[in-house]
Amino acid sequence: MFTKKILLQKLKIALIIPAYVMVYLPWFMYIERLNSVNSRYHIIHMAIDDYIPFCKYFVIPYFIWFAYMVVGVGFCLFTDEKEFKRSCAFLFTGMTIFLIVSTLYPNGHHLRPQVFAHNNIFTQLTAHLYSIDTPTNLFPSIHVFNSIGVHIALCHNQALAKIKWPKIVSFVICTSIVLSTVFLKQHSMFDMLTAFAMAFLLYPLVYKIDFSPAHHGKKVPQKQEL
């Protein structure tokens, strides 16, 4: 049961999100605008990309990503403050690295289909996605990296320590989102692999930091994690 005081405390902690968004969005919009008109950007491509078919149905998990992020991070905020802070550190660090890479190394791809074989709700959603998201600034894939980050956070969340099914559901959603990036031709396999590599490198660094809340200036003893 959340009292008004606890709720205000949670909302105060959550201010870290809009604070970072105020940095991330202008930067991202700048490089999107810059790289979309830059004909000299580096083409991202792997041979395996040519063997991955376009699958319109993956537009559903691709858009589910937005809800997955909000629900996953929000759940940590209200159930495990330590994990919320740790997940924010993980996500924000990766997203900042992505911005730096895209700024210093303009990149894009030519993987999107020129026409769709069918006209239905799935292709219409994909066409809308293509219209609002340019095929530039691709790696490491933030869709992939953030999905991994949210799944890790939920797996570490103490409120779910003895409950398996939410982690299984999270894994299925996370996996479908990761696959959607390449089956929708939004990303090259290279973008997916570099996102996994970044997550692999950042995980031991971020998860060594003690994000435990302090009470009256004293450090709260923590249980040893296996």
C-alpha atoms as a PDB file:
ATOM      1  CA  MET A   1       0.000   0.000   0.000  1.00  0.00           C
ATOM      2  CA  PHE A   2       1.539   3.312  -1.090  1.00  0.00           C
ATOM      3  CA  THR A   3       1.026   6.334   1.125  1.00  0.00           C
ATOM      4  CA  LYS A   4       1.090   9.834  -0.312  1.00  0.00           C
ATOM      5  CA  LYS A   5       4.575  10.347   1.120  1.00  0.00           C
ATOM      6  CA  ILE A   6       5.930   7.164  -0.473  1.00  0.00           C
ATOM      7  CA  LEU A   7       4.284   7.991  -3.788  1.00  0.00           C
ATOM      8  CA  LEU A   8       5.849  11.451  -3.830  1.00  0.00           C
ATOM      9  CA  GLN A   9       9.214   9.903  -3.001  1.00  0.00           C
ATOM     10  CA  LYS A  10       8.873   7.481  -5.912  1.00  0.00           C
ATOM     11  CA  LEU A  11       7.896  10.268  -8.301  1.00  0.00           C
ATOM     12  CA  LYS A  12      10.868  12.317  -7.116  1.00  0.00           C
ATOM     13  CA  ILE A  13      13.202   9.426  -7.879  1.00  0.00           C
ATOM     14  CA  ALA A  14      11.529   8.999 -11.278  1.00  0.00           C
ATOM     15  CA  LEU A  15      12.518  12.540 -12.278  1.00  0.00           C
ATOM     16  CA  ILE A  16      15.812  11.073 -13.449  1.00  0.00           C
ATOM     17  CA  ILE A  17      13.948   9.808 -16.534  1.00  0.00           C
ATOM     18  CA  PRO A  18      12.619  13.126 -17.903  1.00  0.00           C
ATOM     19  CA  ALA A  19      15.942  14.721 -16.951  1.00  0.00           C
ATOM     20  CA  TYR A  20      17.783  12.283 -19.200  1.00  0.00           C
ATOM     21  CA  VAL A  21      15.133  12.502 -21.939  1.00  0.00           C
ATOM     22  CA  MET A  22      15.754  16.252 -22.098  1.00  0.00           C
ATOM     23  CA  VAL A  23      19.341  15.432 -23.054  1.00  0.00           C
ATOM     24  CA  TYR A  24      18.701  12.380 -25.209  1.00  0.00           C
ATOM     25  CA  LEU A  25      15.867  13.578 -27.459  1.00  0.00           C
ATOM     26  CA  PRO A  26      17.433  16.838 -28.743  1.00  0.00           C
ATOM     27  CA  TRP A  27      20.715  15.027 -29.393  1.00  0.00           C
ATOM     28  CA  PHE A  28      18.961  12.147 -31.159  1.00  0.00           C
ATOM     29  CA  MET A  29      16.773  14.456 -33.252  1.00  0.00           C
ATOM     30  CA  TYR A  30      19.856  16.410 -34.286  1.00  0.00           C
ATOM     31  CA  ILE A  31      21.778  13.371 -35.544  1.00  0.00           C
ATOM     32  CA  GLU A  32      18.607  11.977 -37.172  1.00  0.00           C
ATOM     33  CA  ARG A  33      18.171  15.176 -39.139  1.00  0.00           C
ATOM     34  CA  LEU A  34      21.870  15.405 -39.930  1.00  0.00           C
ATOM     35  CA  ASN A  35      22.441  11.799 -40.994  1.00  0.00           C
ATOM     36  CA  SER A  36      19.188  11.495 -42.972  1.00  0.00           C
ATOM     37  CA  VAL A  37      20.440  14.138 -45.410  1.00  0.00           C
ATOM     38  CA  ASN A  38      24.077  13.063 -45.272  1.00  0.00           C
ATOM     39  CA  SER A  39      24.745  10.994 -48.396  1.00  0.00           C
ATOM     40  CA  ARG A  40      28.168  10.029 -47.087  1.00  0.00           C
ATOM     41  CA  TYR A  41      27.027   7.949 -44.138  1.00  0.00           C
ATOM     42  CA  HIS A  42      28.579   4.507 -43.740  1.00  0.00           C
ATOM     43  CA  ILE A  43      26.442   1.597 -44.980  1.00  0.00           C
ATOM     44  CA  ILE A  44      25.833  -1.097 -42.368  1.00  0.00           C
ATOM     45  CA  HIS A  45      25.462  -4.555 -43.880  1.00  0.00           C
ATOM     46  CA  MET A  46      26.289  -8.191 -43.179  1.00  0.00           C
ATOM     47  CA  ALA A  47      25.943 -11.078 -45.599  1.00  0.00           C
ATOM     48  CA  ILE A  48      23.401 -12.757 -43.311  1.00  0.00           C
ATOM     49  CA  ASP A  49      21.084  -9.760 -43.737  1.00  0.00           C
ATOM     50  CA  ASP A  50      20.345 -10.897 -47.280  1.00  0.00           C
ATOM     51  CA  TYR A  51      19.065 -14.258 -46.017  1.00  0.00           C
ATOM     52  CA  ILE A  52      16.709 -12.822 -43.387  1.00  0.00           C
ATOM     53  CA  PRO A  53      13.250 -12.417 -44.964  1.00  0.00           C
ATOM     54  CA  PHE A  54      11.020  -9.439 -44.331  1.00  0.00           C
ATOM     55  CA  CYS A  55       8.160 -10.479 -42.029  1.00  0.00           C
ATOM     56  CA  LYS A  56       5.403  -7.914 -41.535  1.00  0.00           C
ATOM     57  CA  TYR A  57       3.996  -9.598 -38.435  1.00  0.00           C
ATOM     58  CA  PHE A  58       7.008  -8.546 -36.396  1.00  0.00           C
ATOM     59  CA  VAL A  59       5.720  -4.968 -36.468  1.00  0.00           C
ATOM     60  CA  ILE A  60       3.577  -5.924 -33.457  1.00  0.00           C
ATOM     61  CA  PRO A  61       6.424  -6.798 -31.054  1.00  0.00           C
ATOM     62  CA  TYR A  62       8.421  -3.885 -32.468  1.00  0.00           C
ATOM     63  CA  PHE A  63       5.747  -1.456 -31.245  1.00  0.00           C
ATOM     64  CA  ILE A  64       5.190  -3.446 -28.044  1.00  0.00           C
ATOM     65  CA  TRP A  65       8.717  -2.330 -27.126  1.00  0.00           C
ATOM     66  CA  PHE A  66       7.372   1.037 -25.993  1.00  0.00           C
ATOM     67  CA  ALA A  67       4.914  -0.513 -23.524  1.00  0.00           C
ATOM     68  CA  TYR A  68       7.527  -3.065 -22.430  1.00  0.00           C
ATOM     69  CA  MET A  69       9.905  -0.258 -21.511  1.00  0.00           C
ATOM     70  CA  VAL A  70       7.318   1.752 -19.573  1.00  0.00           C
ATOM     71  CA  VAL A  71       5.862  -1.228 -17.704  1.00  0.00           C
ATOM     72  CA  GLY A  72       9.246  -2.828 -16.966  1.00  0.00           C
ATOM     73  CA  VAL A  73      10.988   0.282 -15.681  1.00  0.00           C
ATOM     74  CA  GLY A  74       7.828   1.488 -13.925  1.00  0.00           C
ATOM     75  CA  PHE A  75       7.440  -1.835 -12.140  1.00  0.00           C
ATOM     76  CA  CYS A  76      11.003  -1.574 -10.834  1.00  0.00           C
ATOM     77  CA  LEU A  77      10.345   1.988  -9.660  1.00  0.00           C
ATOM     78  CA  PHE A  78       7.456   0.927  -7.433  1.00  0.00           C
ATOM     79  CA  THR A  79       8.777  -2.440  -6.262  1.00  0.00           C
ATOM     80  CA  ASP A  80      12.577  -2.254  -6.102  1.00  0.00           C
ATOM     81  CA  GLU A  81      14.197   1.174  -5.887  1.00  0.00           C
ATOM     82  CA  LYS A  82      17.679  -0.281  -6.076  1.00  0.00           C
ATOM     83  CA  GLU A  83      16.884  -2.117  -9.310  1.00  0.00           C
ATOM     84  CA  PHE A  84      15.169   0.938 -10.772  1.00  0.00           C
ATOM     85  CA  LYS A  85      18.297   3.044 -10.287  1.00  0.00           C
ATOM     86  CA  ARG A  86      20.504   0.270 -11.588  1.00  0.00           C
ATOM     87  CA  SER A  87      18.351  -0.245 -14.685  1.00  0.00           C
ATOM     88  CA  CYS A  88      18.386   3.496 -15.398  1.00  0.00           C
ATOM     89  CA  ALA A  89      22.172   3.543 -15.112  1.00  0.00           C
ATOM     90  CA  PHE A  90      22.408   0.588 -17.489  1.00  0.00           C
ATOM     91  CA  LEU A  91      19.950   1.999 -20.042  1.00  0.00           C
ATOM     92  CA  PHE A  92      21.179   5.587 -19.970  1.00  0.00           C
ATOM     93  CA  THR A  93      24.821   4.559 -20.313  1.00  0.00           C
ATOM     94  CA  GLY A  94      24.082   2.421 -23.362  1.00  0.00           C
ATOM     95  CA  MET A  95      21.875   5.066 -24.944  1.00  0.00           C
ATOM     96  CA  THR A  96      24.588   7.685 -24.469  1.00  0.00           C
ATOM     97  CA  ILE A  97      27.177   5.407 -26.069  1.00  0.00           C
ATOM     98  CA  PHE A  98      24.760   4.962 -28.989  1.00  0.00           C
ATOM     99  CA  LEU A  99      24.465   8.748 -29.397  1.00  0.00           C
ATOM    100  CA  ILE A 100      28.238   9.167 -29.366  1.00  0.00           C
ATOM    101  CA  VAL A 101      28.728   6.397 -31.940  1.00  0.00           C
ATOM    102  CA  SER A 102      26.046   7.842 -34.236  1.00  0.00           C
ATOM    103  CA  THR A 103      27.536  11.324 -33.943  1.00  0.00           C
ATOM    104  CA  LEU A 104      31.109  10.260 -34.685  1.00  0.00           C
ATOM    105  CA  TYR A 105      30.264   7.533 -37.205  1.00  0.00           C
ATOM    106  CA  PRO A 106      27.192   8.447 -39.310  1.00  0.00           C
ATOM    107  CA  ASN A 107      25.613   5.219 -40.495  1.00  0.00           C
ATOM    108  CA  GLY A 108      22.587   3.779 -42.246  1.00  0.00           C
ATOM    109  CA  HIS A 109      21.369   0.821 -44.286  1.00  0.00           C
ATOM    110  CA  HIS A 110      19.536  -0.037 -47.525  1.00  0.00           C
ATOM    111  CA  LEU A 111      17.664  -3.108 -46.278  1.00  0.00           C
ATOM    112  CA  ARG A 112      14.067  -1.919 -46.342  1.00  0.00           C
ATOM    113  CA  PRO A 113      11.766  -3.349 -49.039  1.00  0.00           C
ATOM    114  CA  GLN A 114      10.769  -0.837 -51.692  1.00  0.00           C
ATOM    115  CA  VAL A 115       7.219  -2.205 -51.988  1.00  0.00           C
ATOM    116  CA  PHE A 116       5.030  -4.547 -49.961  1.00  0.00           C
ATOM    117  CA  ALA A 117       3.493  -7.644 -51.521  1.00  0.00           C
ATOM    118  CA  HIS A 118       0.254  -7.094 -49.589  1.00  0.00           C
ATOM    119  CA  ASN A 119      -1.678  -4.160 -48.237  1.00  0.00           C
ATOM    120  CA  ASN A 120      -2.990  -4.889 -44.748  1.00  0.00           C
ATOM    121  CA  ILE A 121      -2.803  -3.581 -41.203  1.00  0.00           C
ATOM    122  CA  PHE A 122       0.674  -5.026 -40.707  1.00  0.00           C
ATOM    123  CA  THR A 123       2.206  -3.473 -43.811  1.00  0.00           C
ATOM    124  CA  GLN A 124       0.402  -0.212 -43.101  1.00  0.00           C
ATOM    125  CA  LEU A 125       1.913  -0.113 -39.621  1.00  0.00           C
ATOM    126  CA  THR A 126       5.318  -0.918 -41.088  1.00  0.00           C
ATOM    127  CA  ALA A 127       4.941   1.853 -43.676  1.00  0.00           C
ATOM    128  CA  HIS A 128       4.053   4.251 -40.875  1.00  0.00           C
ATOM    129  CA  LEU A 129       7.104   3.125 -38.920  1.00  0.00           C
ATOM    130  CA  TYR A 130       9.336   3.680 -41.946  1.00  0.00           C
ATOM    131  CA  SER A 131       7.875   7.168 -42.399  1.00  0.00           C
ATOM    132  CA  ILE A 132       8.690   8.296 -38.857  1.00  0.00           C
ATOM    133  CA  ASP A 133      11.987   6.476 -38.358  1.00  0.00           C
ATOM    134  CA  THR A 134      14.802   6.970 -40.861  1.00  0.00           C
ATOM    135  CA  PRO A 135      17.127   4.032 -41.699  1.00  0.00           C
ATOM    136  CA  THR A 136      20.044   5.855 -40.069  1.00  0.00           C
ATOM    137  CA  ASN A 137      21.723   5.804 -36.647  1.00  0.00           C
ATOM    138  CA  LEU A 138      21.531   2.063 -36.330  1.00  0.00           C
ATOM    139  CA  PHE A 139      24.094   0.603 -33.999  1.00  0.00           C
ATOM    140  CA  PRO A 140      24.135  -0.507 -31.340  1.00  0.00           C
ATOM    141  CA  SER A 141      20.391  -1.069 -31.707  1.00  0.00           C
ATOM    142  CA  ILE A 142      18.623   0.729 -28.859  1.00  0.00           C
ATOM    143  CA  HIS A 143      15.529  -1.420 -29.396  1.00  0.00           C
ATOM    144  CA  VAL A 144      17.656  -4.498 -28.723  1.00  0.00           C
ATOM    145  CA  PHE A 145      19.847  -3.054 -25.977  1.00  0.00           C
ATOM    146  CA  ASN A 146      16.980  -1.559 -23.967  1.00  0.00           C
ATOM    147  CA  SER A 147      14.950  -4.755 -24.248  1.00  0.00           C
ATOM    148  CA  ILE A 148      17.877  -6.695 -22.820  1.00  0.00           C
ATOM    149  CA  GLY A 149      18.259  -4.093 -20.080  1.00  0.00           C
ATOM    150  CA  VAL A 150      14.607  -4.273 -19.013  1.00  0.00           C
ATOM    151  CA  HIS A 151      14.650  -8.076 -18.985  1.00  0.00           C
ATOM    152  CA  ILE A 152      17.797  -8.080 -16.828  1.00  0.00           C
ATOM    153  CA  ALA A 153      16.163  -5.603 -14.439  1.00  0.00           C
ATOM    154  CA  LEU A 154      13.051  -7.753 -14.078  1.00  0.00           C
ATOM    155  CA  CYS A 155      15.157 -10.850 -13.483  1.00  0.00           C
ATOM    156  CA  HIS A 156      17.010  -9.047 -10.673  1.00  0.00           C
ATOM    157  CA  ASN A 157      13.886  -7.459  -9.184  1.00  0.00           C
ATOM    158  CA  GLN A 158      13.448  -8.664  -5.599  1.00  0.00           C
ATOM    159  CA  ALA A 159       9.657  -8.587  -5.878  1.00  0.00           C
ATOM    160  CA  LEU A 160       9.904 -11.297  -8.522  1.00  0.00           C
ATOM    161  CA  ALA A 161      12.615 -13.322  -6.768  1.00  0.00           C
ATOM    162  CA  LYS A 162      10.317 -16.291  -6.160  1.00  0.00           C
ATOM    163  CA  ILE A 163       7.965 -15.831  -9.123  1.00  0.00           C
ATOM    164  CA  LYS A 164       9.004 -17.382 -12.436  1.00  0.00           C
ATOM    165  CA  TRP A 165       6.184 -16.658 -14.878  1.00  0.00           C
ATOM    166  CA  PRO A 166       6.759 -12.880 -15.214  1.00  0.00           C
ATOM    167  CA  LYS A 167      10.390 -13.562 -16.132  1.00  0.00           C
ATOM    168  CA  ILE A 168       9.312 -16.124 -18.714  1.00  0.00           C
ATOM    169  CA  VAL A 169       6.819 -13.676 -20.209  1.00  0.00           C
ATOM    170  CA  SER A 170       9.510 -10.977 -20.200  1.00  0.00           C
ATOM    171  CA  PHE A 171      11.936 -13.295 -21.966  1.00  0.00           C
ATOM    172  CA  VAL A 172       9.392 -14.081 -24.698  1.00  0.00           C
ATOM    173  CA  ILE A 173       8.599 -10.395 -25.218  1.00  0.00           C
ATOM    174  CA  CYS A 174      12.271  -9.429 -25.166  1.00  0.00           C
ATOM    175  CA  THR A 175      13.173 -12.136 -27.682  1.00  0.00           C
ATOM    176  CA  SER A 176      10.332 -11.188 -30.038  1.00  0.00           C
ATOM    177  CA  ILE A 177      11.379  -7.530 -29.933  1.00  0.00           C
ATOM    178  CA  VAL A 178      14.998  -8.414 -30.667  1.00  0.00           C
ATOM    179  CA  LEU A 179      13.953 -10.553 -33.650  1.00  0.00           C
ATOM    180  CA  SER A 180      11.585  -7.864 -34.904  1.00  0.00           C
ATOM    181  CA  THR A 181      14.459  -5.454 -35.521  1.00  0.00           C
ATOM    182  CA  VAL A 182      15.941  -7.658 -38.243  1.00  0.00           C
ATOM    183  CA  PHE A 183      12.749  -9.219 -39.644  1.00  0.00           C
ATOM    184  CA  LEU A 184      11.235  -5.756 -40.165  1.00  0.00           C
ATOM    185  CA  LYS A 185      14.483  -4.674 -41.852  1.00  0.00           C
ATOM    186  CA  GLN A 186      14.839  -1.896 -39.308  1.00  0.00           C
ATOM    187  CA  HIS A 187      18.316  -3.089 -38.421  1.00  0.00           C
ATOM    188  CA  SER A 188      21.171  -5.164 -39.716  1.00  0.00           C
ATOM    189  CA  MET A 189      22.316  -8.221 -37.810  1.00  0.00           C
ATOM    190  CA  PHE A 190      25.383  -6.122 -37.017  1.00  0.00           C
ATOM    191  CA  ASP A 191      23.220  -3.712 -35.002  1.00  0.00           C
ATOM    192  CA  MET A 192      21.771  -6.582 -32.992  1.00  0.00           C
ATOM    193  CA  LEU A 193      25.165  -8.130 -32.281  1.00  0.00           C
ATOM    194  CA  THR A 194      26.727  -4.836 -31.204  1.00  0.00           C
ATOM    195  CA  ALA A 195      23.768  -4.240 -28.865  1.00  0.00           C
ATOM    196  CA  PHE A 196      24.357  -7.638 -27.248  1.00  0.00           C
ATOM    197  CA  ALA A 197      28.083  -6.879 -27.025  1.00  0.00           C
ATOM    198  CA  MET A 198      27.426  -3.542 -25.329  1.00  0.00           C
ATOM    199  CA  ALA A 199      25.018  -5.164 -22.866  1.00  0.00           C
ATOM    200  CA  PHE A 200      27.589  -7.880 -22.144  1.00  0.00           C
ATOM    201  CA  LEU A 201      30.284  -5.293 -21.413  1.00  0.00           C
ATOM    202  CA  LEU A 202      28.134  -2.915 -19.369  1.00  0.00           C
ATOM    203  CA  TYR A 203      26.394  -5.543 -17.251  1.00  0.00           C
ATOM    204  CA  PRO A 204      29.322  -6.394 -14.932  1.00  0.00           C
ATOM    205  CA  LEU A 205      30.245  -2.714 -14.628  1.00  0.00           C
ATOM    206  CA  VAL A 206      26.807  -1.367 -13.742  1.00  0.00           C
ATOM    207  CA  TYR A 207      25.773  -4.274 -11.558  1.00  0.00           C
ATOM    208  CA  LYS A 208      28.842  -3.871  -9.348  1.00  0.00           C
ATOM    209  CA  ILE A 209      27.671  -0.416  -8.255  1.00  0.00           C
ATOM    210  CA  ASP A 210      25.731  -0.247  -4.995  1.00  0.00           C
ATOM    211  CA  PHE A 211      22.466   1.583  -5.677  1.00  0.00           C
ATOM    212  CA  SER A 212      20.954   0.731  -2.297  1.00  0.00           C
ATOM    213  CA  PRO A 213      18.841   3.533  -0.791  1.00  0.00           C
ATOM    214  CA  ALA A 214      20.393   5.177   2.262  1.00  0.00           C
ATOM    215  CA  HIS A 215      18.396   5.713   5.422  1.00  0.00           C
ATOM    216  CA  HIS A 216      19.403   8.507   7.775  1.00  0.00           C
ATOM    217  CA  GLY A 217      22.838   8.629   6.243  1.00  0.00           C
ATOM    218  CA  LYS A 218      23.590   4.984   7.015  1.00  0.00           C
ATOM    219  CA  LYS A 219      24.254   2.340   4.460  1.00  0.00           C
ATOM    220  CA  VAL A 220      21.666  -0.398   4.361  1.00  0.00           C
ATOM    221  CA  PRO A 221      23.244  -3.852   4.632  1.00  0.00           C
ATOM    222  CA  GLN A 222      22.593  -5.903   1.521  1.00  0.00           C
ATOM    223  CA  LYS A 223      22.131  -9.603   1.069  1.00  0.00           C
ATOM    224  CA  GLN A 224      24.841 -11.241  -0.936  1.00  0.00           C
ATOM    225  CA  GLU A 225      23.662 -12.005  -4.453  1.00  0.00           C
ATOM    226  CA  LEU A 226      24.587 -15.314  -6.013  1.00  0.00           C
END
